[in-house]
């Protein structure tokens, strides 16, 4: 049953650098009587920025409490999609996907290995963009992160030699000992580049999540006709416009005839069912490991987001609003 009111997280002020107490505010809102959601248009920039006064955008998992006419959903169904940082969301049925649990999976996995910004991003970046082949060497930045940790494991499933890069010794041990990477480097250690030259030499694929110095280095350590998959550039997300460093070794793209390709996971939406099937089989067999860093409560959203930029999160970062199927699903 839908409540009479609910809480949501509103963008109050655009952050300059790290998120602080002034960035968001909690807003108590009456539930609308109509179930007709407001349609949002997708821009050429992937998604338009959240405007001041709007609910913070986020992909979530939620339980259906009420439906309108002409939908294939029922109260009690679980769905995933752009639900926003709020206790309840009124959305068009076509904006969410019904979750069908398969053996070996849990609801939280649809924000991790079966999630759009987790496993599906890793899967299509690796198999559709990089087109990884057995025996190739792939270097994965932020190898302990939500996407990188899955790229590492998917690449091993494909028979590739996997080299992970992370910024913490504990994370490096996790990527090697638990995720199965062949070699892992802590990029904060001055010797890592020399070690890379001795142990790896040249790679076939670089899976990009960071940017800046690591990217510049990797452009000089790829084989002729190597591939760069640009998934994200987290080092530049908090940089003021015009202050980003950019690529210094750009000429290497020409000299080495590299293929550099960015991608958005929704480009492959028609292939999601195939990805769910294959990733699900790996989860069911126990060959995939997943790790979650769960923060509870909307009031802690700002602090939790900062963990992404400091690297303090241990696994896929998830904000828990309520228990599944509870009063605040």
C-alpha atoms as a PDB file:
ATOM      1  CA  UNK A   1       0.000   0.000   0.000  1.00  0.00           C
ATOM      2  CA  UNK A   2       1.325   3.431  -0.960  1.00  0.00           C
ATOM      3  CA  UNK A   3       2.009   5.872   1.915  1.00  0.00           C
ATOM      4  CA  UNK A   4       0.603   9.375   2.307  1.00  0.00           C
ATOM      5  CA  UNK A   5       4.084  10.920   2.216  1.00  0.00           C
ATOM      6  CA  UNK A   6       7.714  10.010   1.598  1.00  0.00           C
ATOM      7  CA  UNK A   7      11.248  11.432   1.826  1.00  0.00           C
ATOM      8  CA  UNK A   8      13.518  12.237  -1.101  1.00  0.00           C
ATOM      9  CA  UNK A   9      17.005  13.691  -1.568  1.00  0.00           C
ATOM     10  CA  UNK A  10      17.096  17.037  -3.394  1.00  0.00           C
ATOM     11  CA  UNK A  11      20.074  18.713  -5.055  1.00  0.00           C
ATOM     12  CA  UNK A  12      20.330  22.047  -3.239  1.00  0.00           C
ATOM     13  CA  UNK A  13      23.685  23.386  -4.437  1.00  0.00           C
ATOM     14  CA  UNK A  14      26.180  22.207  -7.044  1.00  0.00           C
ATOM     15  CA  UNK A  15      29.356  21.026  -5.290  1.00  0.00           C
ATOM     16  CA  UNK A  16      32.711  22.589  -6.039  1.00  0.00           C
ATOM     17  CA  UNK A  17      35.029  19.722  -5.272  1.00  0.00           C
ATOM     18  CA  UNK A  18      33.836  17.273  -2.618  1.00  0.00           C
ATOM     19  CA  UNK A  19      30.201  17.002  -1.538  1.00  0.00           C
ATOM     20  CA  UNK A  20      29.340  18.774   1.729  1.00  0.00           C
ATOM     21  CA  UNK A  21      26.341  19.404   3.986  1.00  0.00           C
ATOM     22  CA  UNK A  22      25.022  22.155   1.698  1.00  0.00           C
ATOM     23  CA  UNK A  23      24.897  19.976  -1.418  1.00  0.00           C
ATOM     24  CA  UNK A  24      21.666  18.107  -0.619  1.00  0.00           C
ATOM     25  CA  UNK A  25      18.576  18.493   1.514  1.00  0.00           C
ATOM     26  CA  UNK A  26      15.960  15.975   2.605  1.00  0.00           C
ATOM     27  CA  UNK A  27      12.460  16.802   1.401  1.00  0.00           C
ATOM     28  CA  UNK A  28       9.186  15.433   2.759  1.00  0.00           C
ATOM     29  CA  UNK A  29       6.610  15.130  -0.017  1.00  0.00           C
ATOM     30  CA  UNK A  30       2.961  14.108  -0.245  1.00  0.00           C
ATOM     31  CA  UNK A  31       2.311  11.145  -2.518  1.00  0.00           C
ATOM     32  CA  UNK A  32       0.457  12.140  -5.709  1.00  0.00           C
ATOM     33  CA  UNK A  33      -2.971  10.671  -6.333  1.00  0.00           C
ATOM     34  CA  UNK A  34      -2.110   9.997  -9.981  1.00  0.00           C
ATOM     35  CA  UNK A  35       0.357   7.326 -11.048  1.00  0.00           C
ATOM     36  CA  UNK A  36       1.260   9.114 -14.264  1.00  0.00           C
ATOM     37  CA  UNK A  37       4.960   9.838 -14.165  1.00  0.00           C
ATOM     38  CA  UNK A  38       6.675  12.775 -15.824  1.00  0.00           C
ATOM     39  CA  UNK A  39       8.570  11.713 -18.926  1.00  0.00           C
ATOM     40  CA  UNK A  40      12.203  12.725 -19.132  1.00  0.00           C
ATOM     41  CA  UNK A  41      13.941  13.211 -22.456  1.00  0.00           C
ATOM     42  CA  UNK A  42      17.414  11.767 -22.994  1.00  0.00           C
ATOM     43  CA  UNK A  43      19.920  14.270 -24.283  1.00  0.00           C
ATOM     44  CA  UNK A  44      22.846  13.821 -26.637  1.00  0.00           C
ATOM     45  CA  UNK A  45      25.086  14.093 -23.565  1.00  0.00           C
ATOM     46  CA  UNK A  46      23.777  10.705 -22.375  1.00  0.00           C
ATOM     47  CA  UNK A  47      21.760  12.211 -19.521  1.00  0.00           C
ATOM     48  CA  UNK A  48      21.055  15.869 -18.728  1.00  0.00           C
ATOM     49  CA  UNK A  49      22.500  17.167 -15.449  1.00  0.00           C
ATOM     50  CA  UNK A  50      20.255  17.117 -12.392  1.00  0.00           C
ATOM     51  CA  UNK A  51      18.827  20.595 -11.910  1.00  0.00           C
ATOM     52  CA  UNK A  52      18.755  22.461  -8.604  1.00  0.00           C
ATOM     53  CA  UNK A  53      15.623  21.412  -6.734  1.00  0.00           C
ATOM     54  CA  UNK A  54      15.337  18.048  -8.487  1.00  0.00           C
ATOM     55  CA  UNK A  55      15.648  14.590  -6.948  1.00  0.00           C
ATOM     56  CA  UNK A  56      19.147  13.159  -7.269  1.00  0.00           C
ATOM     57  CA  UNK A  57      19.269  10.639 -10.077  1.00  0.00           C
ATOM     58  CA  UNK A  58      20.188   7.061  -9.191  1.00  0.00           C
ATOM     59  CA  UNK A  59      19.567   3.551 -10.407  1.00  0.00           C
ATOM     60  CA  UNK A  60      17.851   1.486  -7.755  1.00  0.00           C
ATOM     61  CA  UNK A  61      15.933  -1.657  -6.909  1.00  0.00           C
ATOM     62  CA  UNK A  62      12.448  -1.250  -5.502  1.00  0.00           C
ATOM     63  CA  UNK A  63       9.186  -3.028  -4.792  1.00  0.00           C
ATOM     64  CA  UNK A  64       6.020  -2.101  -6.697  1.00  0.00           C
ATOM     65  CA  UNK A  65       3.285  -0.864  -4.326  1.00  0.00           C
ATOM     66  CA  UNK A  66       0.716   0.365  -6.848  1.00  0.00           C
ATOM     67  CA  UNK A  67       0.250   0.248 -10.609  1.00  0.00           C
ATOM     68  CA  UNK A  68      -1.713   2.138 -13.212  1.00  0.00           C
ATOM     69  CA  UNK A  69      -3.606   0.667 -16.167  1.00  0.00           C
ATOM     70  CA  UNK A  70      -1.964  -1.137 -19.078  1.00  0.00           C
ATOM     71  CA  UNK A  71       1.191  -2.301 -17.290  1.00  0.00           C
ATOM     72  CA  UNK A  72       2.635  -5.783 -16.958  1.00  0.00           C
ATOM     73  CA  UNK A  73       3.588  -5.143 -13.334  1.00  0.00           C
ATOM     74  CA  UNK A  74       1.782  -6.021 -10.119  1.00  0.00           C
ATOM     75  CA  UNK A  75       2.143  -4.928  -6.488  1.00  0.00           C
ATOM     76  CA  UNK A  76       4.899  -6.979  -4.910  1.00  0.00           C
ATOM     77  CA  UNK A  77       6.990  -7.222  -8.068  1.00  0.00           C
ATOM     78  CA  UNK A  78      10.582  -6.058  -7.837  1.00  0.00           C
ATOM     79  CA  UNK A  79      11.944  -3.685 -10.469  1.00  0.00           C
ATOM     80  CA  UNK A  80      15.150  -1.845 -11.291  1.00  0.00           C
ATOM     81  CA  UNK A  81      15.687   1.416 -13.130  1.00  0.00           C
ATOM     82  CA  UNK A  82      16.172   5.148 -12.617  1.00  0.00           C
ATOM     83  CA  UNK A  83      14.230   5.432  -9.353  1.00  0.00           C
ATOM     84  CA  UNK A  84      16.163   8.337  -7.811  1.00  0.00           C
ATOM     85  CA  UNK A  85      17.345   8.849  -4.239  1.00  0.00           C
ATOM     86  CA  UNK A  86      13.919   8.758  -2.614  1.00  0.00           C
ATOM     87  CA  UNK A  87      11.737   6.411  -0.610  1.00  0.00           C
ATOM     88  CA  UNK A  88       9.029   6.201  -3.275  1.00  0.00           C
ATOM     89  CA  UNK A  89       9.078   6.976  -6.984  1.00  0.00           C
ATOM     90  CA  UNK A  90       6.295   7.501  -9.510  1.00  0.00           C
ATOM     91  CA  UNK A  91       7.666   6.423 -12.880  1.00  0.00           C
ATOM     92  CA  UNK A  92       6.405   5.260 -16.287  1.00  0.00           C
ATOM     93  CA  UNK A  93       6.313   1.472 -16.491  1.00  0.00           C
ATOM     94  CA  UNK A  94       8.675   1.521 -19.483  1.00  0.00           C
ATOM     95  CA  UNK A  95      11.313   3.246 -17.326  1.00  0.00           C
ATOM     96  CA  UNK A  96      11.846   0.159 -15.162  1.00  0.00           C
ATOM     97  CA  UNK A  97      12.608  -3.510 -15.771  1.00  0.00           C
ATOM     98  CA  UNK A  98      11.002  -6.332 -13.830  1.00  0.00           C
ATOM     99  CA  UNK A  99      13.478  -8.435 -11.878  1.00  0.00           C
ATOM    100  CA  UNK A 100      13.296 -12.177 -12.334  1.00  0.00           C
ATOM    101  CA  UNK A 101      15.594 -13.783  -9.804  1.00  0.00           C
ATOM    102  CA  UNK A 102      17.618 -16.685 -11.107  1.00  0.00           C
ATOM    103  CA  UNK A 103      19.357 -19.383  -9.027  1.00  0.00           C
ATOM    104  CA  UNK A 104      22.390 -18.071  -7.196  1.00  0.00           C
ATOM    105  CA  UNK A 105      21.299 -14.409  -7.265  1.00  0.00           C
ATOM    106  CA  UNK A 106      19.843 -11.893  -4.810  1.00  0.00           C
ATOM    107  CA  UNK A 107      18.058  -8.571  -5.321  1.00  0.00           C
ATOM    108  CA  UNK A 108      21.226  -6.631  -4.507  1.00  0.00           C
ATOM    109  CA  UNK A 109      22.970  -8.334  -7.431  1.00  0.00           C
ATOM    110  CA  UNK A 110      20.856  -6.220  -9.795  1.00  0.00           C
ATOM    111  CA  UNK A 111      22.908  -3.266  -8.576  1.00  0.00           C
ATOM    112  CA  UNK A 112      26.145  -5.247  -8.924  1.00  0.00           C
ATOM    113  CA  UNK A 113      27.056  -8.014 -11.395  1.00  0.00           C
ATOM    114  CA  UNK A 114      23.576  -7.897 -12.957  1.00  0.00           C
ATOM    115  CA  UNK A 115      23.253  -4.112 -12.696  1.00  0.00           C
ATOM    116  CA  UNK A 116      23.419  -1.585 -15.525  1.00  0.00           C
ATOM    117  CA  UNK A 117      26.290   0.381 -13.958  1.00  0.00           C
ATOM    118  CA  UNK A 118      28.083  -2.743 -12.757  1.00  0.00           C
ATOM    119  CA  UNK A 119      28.106  -6.069 -14.519  1.00  0.00           C
ATOM    120  CA  UNK A 120      26.411  -4.998 -17.737  1.00  0.00           C
ATOM    121  CA  UNK A 121      28.874  -2.124 -18.199  1.00  0.00           C
ATOM    122  CA  UNK A 122      31.800  -4.477 -17.590  1.00  0.00           C
ATOM    123  CA  UNK A 123      30.339  -7.157 -19.848  1.00  0.00           C
ATOM    124  CA  UNK A 124      29.670  -5.026 -22.913  1.00  0.00           C
ATOM    125  CA  UNK A 125      32.816  -2.964 -22.503  1.00  0.00           C
ATOM    126  CA  UNK A 126      34.870  -6.138 -22.493  1.00  0.00           C
ATOM    127  CA  UNK A 127      33.083  -8.359 -25.004  1.00  0.00           C
ATOM    128  CA  UNK A 128      31.494  -5.866 -27.417  1.00  0.00           C
ATOM    129  CA  UNK A 129      33.930  -2.928 -27.345  1.00  0.00           C
ATOM    130  CA  UNK A 130      37.279  -4.520 -26.489  1.00  0.00           C
ATOM    131  CA  UNK A 131      36.333  -7.832 -28.113  1.00  0.00           C
ATOM    132  CA  UNK A 132      38.752  -9.576 -25.793  1.00  0.00           C
ATOM    133  CA  UNK A 133      40.313 -12.816 -27.036  1.00  0.00           C
ATOM    134  CA  UNK A 134      41.780 -15.802 -25.244  1.00  0.00           C
ATOM    135  CA  UNK A 135      45.479 -15.323 -24.537  1.00  0.00           C
ATOM    136  CA  UNK A 136      45.434 -11.520 -24.828  1.00  0.00           C
ATOM    137  CA  UNK A 137      46.727  -9.235 -22.081  1.00  0.00           C
ATOM    138  CA  UNK A 138      44.311  -6.655 -20.668  1.00  0.00           C
ATOM    139  CA  UNK A 139      45.136  -3.907 -18.151  1.00  0.00           C
ATOM    140  CA  UNK A 140      42.235  -2.807 -15.939  1.00  0.00           C
ATOM    141  CA  UNK A 141      42.362   0.468 -13.987  1.00  0.00           C
ATOM    142  CA  UNK A 142      40.396   0.816 -10.708  1.00  0.00           C
ATOM    143  CA  UNK A 143      40.519  -2.965 -10.708  1.00  0.00           C
ATOM    144  CA  UNK A 144      38.914  -3.196  -7.254  1.00  0.00           C
ATOM    145  CA  UNK A 145      35.992  -0.934  -8.182  1.00  0.00           C
ATOM    146  CA  UNK A 146      32.423  -1.882  -9.038  1.00  0.00           C
ATOM    147  CA  UNK A 147      33.112  -2.189 -12.775  1.00  0.00           C
ATOM    148  CA  UNK A 148      36.826  -2.990 -12.712  1.00  0.00           C
ATOM    149  CA  UNK A 149      36.426  -5.922 -10.325  1.00  0.00           C
ATOM    150  CA  UNK A 150      33.969  -7.519 -12.733  1.00  0.00           C
ATOM    151  CA  UNK A 151      36.075  -6.759 -15.817  1.00  0.00           C
ATOM    152  CA  UNK A 152      38.917  -8.620 -14.096  1.00  0.00           C
ATOM    153  CA  UNK A 153      36.735 -11.674 -13.510  1.00  0.00           C
ATOM    154  CA  UNK A 154      34.997 -11.616 -16.899  1.00  0.00           C
ATOM    155  CA  UNK A 155      38.374 -11.349 -18.647  1.00  0.00           C
ATOM    156  CA  UNK A 156      39.646 -14.374 -16.722  1.00  0.00           C
ATOM    157  CA  UNK A 157      36.517 -16.258 -17.794  1.00  0.00           C
ATOM    158  CA  UNK A 158      37.497 -15.400 -21.383  1.00  0.00           C
ATOM    159  CA  UNK A 159      41.000 -16.800 -20.914  1.00  0.00           C
ATOM    160  CA  UNK A 160      42.859 -13.478 -20.955  1.00  0.00           C
ATOM    161  CA  UNK A 161      45.930 -12.508 -18.967  1.00  0.00           C
ATOM    162  CA  UNK A 162      44.695  -9.825 -16.552  1.00  0.00           C
ATOM    163  CA  UNK A 163      46.744  -6.988 -15.085  1.00  0.00           C
ATOM    164  CA  UNK A 164      45.016  -4.873 -12.435  1.00  0.00           C
ATOM    165  CA  UNK A 165      45.878  -1.344 -11.346  1.00  0.00           C
ATOM    166  CA  UNK A 166      44.627   0.102  -8.057  1.00  0.00           C
ATOM    167  CA  UNK A 167      45.729   2.653  -5.472  1.00  0.00           C
ATOM    168  CA  UNK A 168      45.859   0.610  -2.289  1.00  0.00           C
ATOM    169  CA  UNK A 169      47.854  -2.424  -1.152  1.00  0.00           C
ATOM    170  CA  UNK A 170      44.836  -4.083   0.472  1.00  0.00           C
ATOM    171  CA  UNK A 171      42.829  -3.653  -2.722  1.00  0.00           C
ATOM    172  CA  UNK A 172      45.740  -4.983  -4.753  1.00  0.00           C
ATOM    173  CA  UNK A 173      45.808  -8.154  -2.649  1.00  0.00           C
ATOM    174  CA  UNK A 174      42.027  -8.492  -3.020  1.00  0.00           C
ATOM    175  CA  UNK A 175      42.205  -8.181  -6.814  1.00  0.00           C
ATOM    176  CA  UNK A 176      44.985 -10.763  -7.077  1.00  0.00           C
ATOM    177  CA  UNK A 177      44.092 -13.266  -4.377  1.00  0.00           C
ATOM    178  CA  UNK A 178      40.289 -13.194  -4.549  1.00  0.00           C
ATOM    179  CA  UNK A 179      39.406 -11.943  -8.033  1.00  0.00           C
ATOM    180  CA  UNK A 180      42.166 -13.876  -9.750  1.00  0.00           C
ATOM    181  CA  UNK A 181      44.150 -11.193 -11.583  1.00  0.00           C
ATOM    182  CA  UNK A 182      47.543 -12.419 -12.768  1.00  0.00           C
ATOM    183  CA  UNK A 183      49.455  -9.271 -11.761  1.00  0.00           C
ATOM    184  CA  UNK A 184      48.345  -6.210  -9.762  1.00  0.00           C
ATOM    185  CA  UNK A 185      50.067  -2.853  -9.254  1.00  0.00           C
ATOM    186  CA  UNK A 186      49.563  -0.065  -6.740  1.00  0.00           C
ATOM    187  CA  UNK A 187      49.976   3.031  -8.918  1.00  0.00           C
ATOM    188  CA  UNK A 188      50.884   5.140  -5.872  1.00  0.00           C
ATOM    189  CA  UNK A 189      54.196   3.303  -5.611  1.00  0.00           C
ATOM    190  CA  UNK A 190      56.932   4.985  -7.708  1.00  0.00           C
ATOM    191  CA  UNK A 191      58.315   1.649  -8.873  1.00  0.00           C
ATOM    192  CA  UNK A 192      55.125   0.346 -10.471  1.00  0.00           C
ATOM    193  CA  UNK A 193      55.935   1.505 -14.012  1.00  0.00           C
ATOM    194  CA  UNK A 194      59.359  -0.133 -13.979  1.00  0.00           C
ATOM    195  CA  UNK A 195      57.797  -3.318 -12.640  1.00  0.00           C
ATOM    196  CA  UNK A 196      55.181  -3.160 -15.381  1.00  0.00           C
ATOM    197  CA  UNK A 197      57.895  -2.992 -18.050  1.00  0.00           C
ATOM    198  CA  UNK A 198      59.707  -5.978 -16.546  1.00  0.00           C
ATOM    199  CA  UNK A 199      56.651  -8.164 -15.939  1.00  0.00           C
ATOM    200  CA  UNK A 200      54.147  -7.163 -18.623  1.00  0.00           C
ATOM    201  CA  UNK A 201      55.856  -5.223 -21.391  1.00  0.00           C
ATOM    202  CA  UNK A 202      53.066  -4.454 -23.868  1.00  0.00           C
ATOM    203  CA  UNK A 203      49.338  -5.134 -23.524  1.00  0.00           C
ATOM    204  CA  UNK A 204      46.569  -5.706 -26.063  1.00  0.00           C
ATOM    205  CA  UNK A 205      43.759  -3.872 -24.259  1.00  0.00           C
ATOM    206  CA  UNK A 206      43.490  -1.096 -21.694  1.00  0.00           C
ATOM    207  CA  UNK A 207      40.158  -0.752 -19.855  1.00  0.00           C
ATOM    208  CA  UNK A 208      40.013   2.913 -18.844  1.00  0.00           C
ATOM    209  CA  UNK A 209      38.273   4.078 -15.674  1.00  0.00           C
ATOM    210  CA  UNK A 210      40.645   6.758 -14.347  1.00  0.00           C
ATOM    211  CA  UNK A 211      42.374   9.085 -16.813  1.00  0.00           C
ATOM    212  CA  UNK A 212      45.406  11.365 -16.403  1.00  0.00           C
ATOM    213  CA  UNK A 213      48.835   9.843 -15.693  1.00  0.00           C
ATOM    214  CA  UNK A 214      47.795   6.189 -15.861  1.00  0.00           C
ATOM    215  CA  UNK A 215      46.192   6.701 -19.255  1.00  0.00           C
ATOM    216  CA  UNK A 216      49.232   8.540 -20.603  1.00  0.00           C
ATOM    217  CA  UNK A 217      51.467   5.713 -19.458  1.00  0.00           C
ATOM    218  CA  UNK A 218      49.245   3.001 -20.915  1.00  0.00           C
ATOM    219  CA  UNK A 219      49.121   4.673 -24.333  1.00  0.00           C
ATOM    220  CA  UNK A 220      52.867   3.995 -24.512  1.00  0.00           C
ATOM    221  CA  UNK A 221      52.497   0.392 -23.339  1.00  0.00           C
ATOM    222  CA  UNK A 222      49.990  -0.970 -25.848  1.00  0.00           C
ATOM    223  CA  UNK A 223      50.822  -3.151 -28.816  1.00  0.00           C
ATOM    224  CA  UNK A 224      50.335  -1.942 -32.379  1.00  0.00           C
ATOM    225  CA  UNK A 225      46.582  -2.043 -33.127  1.00  0.00           C
ATOM    226  CA  UNK A 226      45.851  -2.214 -29.397  1.00  0.00           C
ATOM    227  CA  UNK A 227      42.465  -1.164 -28.029  1.00  0.00           C
ATOM    228  CA  UNK A 228      41.460   1.340 -25.351  1.00  0.00           C
ATOM    229  CA  UNK A 229      37.975   0.999 -23.857  1.00  0.00           C
ATOM    230  CA  UNK A 230      36.938   4.304 -22.260  1.00  0.00           C
ATOM    231  CA  UNK A 231      34.398   3.439 -19.580  1.00  0.00           C
ATOM    232  CA  UNK A 232      34.973   6.417 -17.250  1.00  0.00           C
ATOM    233  CA  UNK A 233      37.462   9.094 -16.244  1.00  0.00           C
ATOM    234  CA  UNK A 234      36.863   9.492 -12.517  1.00  0.00           C
ATOM    235  CA  UNK A 235      39.985  11.613 -11.967  1.00  0.00           C
ATOM    236  CA  UNK A 236      38.316  14.453 -13.891  1.00  0.00           C
ATOM    237  CA  UNK A 237      34.794  14.339 -12.459  1.00  0.00           C
ATOM    238  CA  UNK A 238      35.576  16.938  -9.780  1.00  0.00           C
ATOM    239  CA  UNK A 239      37.854  19.096 -11.937  1.00  0.00           C
ATOM    240  CA  UNK A 240      36.656  22.587 -12.867  1.00  0.00           C
ATOM    241  CA  UNK A 241      35.890  23.035 -16.562  1.00  0.00           C
ATOM    242  CA  UNK A 242      39.043  24.007 -18.418  1.00  0.00           C
ATOM    243  CA  UNK A 243      41.322  22.715 -15.638  1.00  0.00           C
ATOM    244  CA  UNK A 244      41.507  19.090 -16.729  1.00  0.00           C
ATOM    245  CA  UNK A 245      44.958  17.884 -17.740  1.00  0.00           C
ATOM    246  CA  UNK A 246      43.956  15.833 -20.759  1.00  0.00           C
ATOM    247  CA  UNK A 247      46.046  13.327 -22.698  1.00  0.00           C
ATOM    248  CA  UNK A 248      49.691  14.243 -23.287  1.00  0.00           C
ATOM    249  CA  UNK A 249      50.690  11.151 -25.261  1.00  0.00           C
ATOM    250  CA  UNK A 250      47.941  11.605 -27.833  1.00  0.00           C
ATOM    251  CA  UNK A 251      50.373  10.957 -30.713  1.00  0.00           C
ATOM    252  CA  UNK A 252      50.691   7.328 -29.566  1.00  0.00           C
ATOM    253  CA  UNK A 253      47.179   6.690 -30.886  1.00  0.00           C
ATOM    254  CA  UNK A 254      48.537   7.392 -34.374  1.00  0.00           C
ATOM    255  CA  UNK A 255      51.955   5.785 -34.004  1.00  0.00           C
ATOM    256  CA  UNK A 256      50.539   2.567 -32.569  1.00  0.00           C
ATOM    257  CA  UNK A 257      47.332   2.678 -34.649  1.00  0.00           C
ATOM    258  CA  UNK A 258      45.265   2.318 -31.489  1.00  0.00           C
ATOM    259  CA  UNK A 259      41.496   2.063 -31.447  1.00  0.00           C
ATOM    260  CA  UNK A 260      40.070   4.237 -28.665  1.00  0.00           C
ATOM    261  CA  UNK A 261      36.335   3.884 -28.079  1.00  0.00           C
ATOM    262  CA  UNK A 262      33.999   5.254 -25.464  1.00  0.00           C
ATOM    263  CA  UNK A 263      30.656   3.595 -24.874  1.00  0.00           C
ATOM    264  CA  UNK A 264      27.377   3.845 -23.003  1.00  0.00           C
ATOM    265  CA  UNK A 265      25.952   0.570 -21.744  1.00  0.00           C
ATOM    266  CA  UNK A 266      22.430   1.406 -22.970  1.00  0.00           C
ATOM    267  CA  UNK A 267      23.794   1.202 -26.529  1.00  0.00           C
ATOM    268  CA  UNK A 268      23.537  -2.550 -26.029  1.00  0.00           C
ATOM    269  CA  UNK A 269      20.089  -2.694 -24.398  1.00  0.00           C
ATOM    270  CA  UNK A 270      18.811  -5.182 -26.976  1.00  0.00           C
ATOM    271  CA  UNK A 271      21.505  -7.621 -25.834  1.00  0.00           C
ATOM    272  CA  UNK A 272      20.826  -7.313 -22.088  1.00  0.00           C
ATOM    273  CA  UNK A 273      18.927 -10.653 -21.913  1.00  0.00           C
ATOM    274  CA  UNK A 274      21.938 -12.544 -23.302  1.00  0.00           C
ATOM    275  CA  UNK A 275      24.230 -10.831 -20.791  1.00  0.00           C
ATOM    276  CA  UNK A 276      21.878 -11.625 -17.893  1.00  0.00           C
ATOM    277  CA  UNK A 277      21.913 -15.276 -18.940  1.00  0.00           C
ATOM    278  CA  UNK A 278      25.698 -15.594 -19.129  1.00  0.00           C
ATOM    279  CA  UNK A 279      26.486 -13.553 -16.005  1.00  0.00           C
ATOM    280  CA  UNK A 280      23.734 -15.410 -14.153  1.00  0.00           C
ATOM    281  CA  UNK A 281      25.315 -18.742 -15.069  1.00  0.00           C
ATOM    282  CA  UNK A 282      28.636 -17.574 -13.613  1.00  0.00           C
ATOM    283  CA  UNK A 283      26.912 -16.468 -10.403  1.00  0.00           C
ATOM    284  CA  UNK A 284      25.042 -19.762 -10.139  1.00  0.00           C
ATOM    285  CA  UNK A 285      28.258 -21.750 -10.568  1.00  0.00           C
ATOM    286  CA  UNK A 286      29.996 -19.684  -7.888  1.00  0.00           C
ATOM    287  CA  UNK A 287      32.765 -18.573 -10.244  1.00  0.00           C
ATOM    288  CA  UNK A 288      32.002 -14.864  -9.764  1.00  0.00           C
ATOM    289  CA  UNK A 289      32.783 -12.989  -6.572  1.00  0.00           C
ATOM    290  CA  UNK A 290      30.938  -9.806  -5.616  1.00  0.00           C
ATOM    291  CA  UNK A 291      31.581  -7.369  -2.808  1.00  0.00           C
ATOM    292  CA  UNK A 292      29.256  -4.603  -1.618  1.00  0.00           C
ATOM    293  CA  UNK A 293      29.868  -1.481   0.443  1.00  0.00           C
ATOM    294  CA  UNK A 294      26.434  -0.646   1.861  1.00  0.00           C
ATOM    295  CA  UNK A 295      25.630   2.715   3.472  1.00  0.00           C
ATOM    296  CA  UNK A 296      22.249   3.053   5.196  1.00  0.00           C
ATOM    297  CA  UNK A 297      19.940   6.083   5.134  1.00  0.00           C
ATOM    298  CA  UNK A 298      19.228   8.921   2.702  1.00  0.00           C
ATOM    299  CA  UNK A 299      20.775  11.342   5.184  1.00  0.00           C
ATOM    300  CA  UNK A 300      24.160   9.696   4.534  1.00  0.00           C
ATOM    301  CA  UNK A 301      23.993   9.961   0.745  1.00  0.00           C
ATOM    302  CA  UNK A 302      26.462  12.844   0.492  1.00  0.00           C
ATOM    303  CA  UNK A 303      29.142  11.174   2.590  1.00  0.00           C
ATOM    304  CA  UNK A 304      28.695   7.918   0.699  1.00  0.00           C
ATOM    305  CA  UNK A 305      29.145   9.600  -2.702  1.00  0.00           C
ATOM    306  CA  UNK A 306      32.425  11.120  -1.554  1.00  0.00           C
ATOM    307  CA  UNK A 307      33.786   7.606  -1.034  1.00  0.00           C
ATOM    308  CA  UNK A 308      33.837   7.189  -4.821  1.00  0.00           C
ATOM    309  CA  UNK A 309      36.345  10.009  -5.183  1.00  0.00           C
ATOM    310  CA  UNK A 310      38.543   9.150  -2.197  1.00  0.00           C
ATOM    311  CA  UNK A 311      38.665   5.457  -3.081  1.00  0.00           C
ATOM    312  CA  UNK A 312      37.610   4.434   0.440  1.00  0.00           C
ATOM    313  CA  UNK A 313      34.718   2.252  -0.664  1.00  0.00           C
ATOM    314  CA  UNK A 314      35.358  -1.483  -0.494  1.00  0.00           C
ATOM    315  CA  UNK A 315      33.284  -2.924  -3.336  1.00  0.00           C
ATOM    316  CA  UNK A 316      30.169  -1.724  -5.145  1.00  0.00           C
ATOM    317  CA  UNK A 317      28.817   1.332  -3.294  1.00  0.00           C
ATOM    318  CA  UNK A 318      25.112   1.023  -2.485  1.00  0.00           C
ATOM    319  CA  UNK A 319      22.824   3.346  -0.514  1.00  0.00           C
ATOM    320  CA  UNK A 320      20.207   1.342   1.365  1.00  0.00           C
ATOM    321  CA  UNK A 321      16.939   3.234   1.829  1.00  0.00           C
ATOM    322  CA  UNK A 322      14.968   0.389   3.443  1.00  0.00           C
ATOM    323  CA  UNK A 323      14.553  -3.354   3.683  1.00  0.00           C
ATOM    324  CA  UNK A 324      13.186  -4.977   0.508  1.00  0.00           C
ATOM    325  CA  UNK A 325       9.426  -5.190   0.764  1.00  0.00           C
ATOM    326  CA  UNK A 326       9.391  -3.044   3.898  1.00  0.00           C
ATOM    327  CA  UNK A 327       7.445   0.120   4.523  1.00  0.00           C
ATOM    328  CA  UNK A 328      10.062   2.153   2.669  1.00  0.00           C
ATOM    329  CA  UNK A 329      10.977  -0.041  -0.296  1.00  0.00           C
END
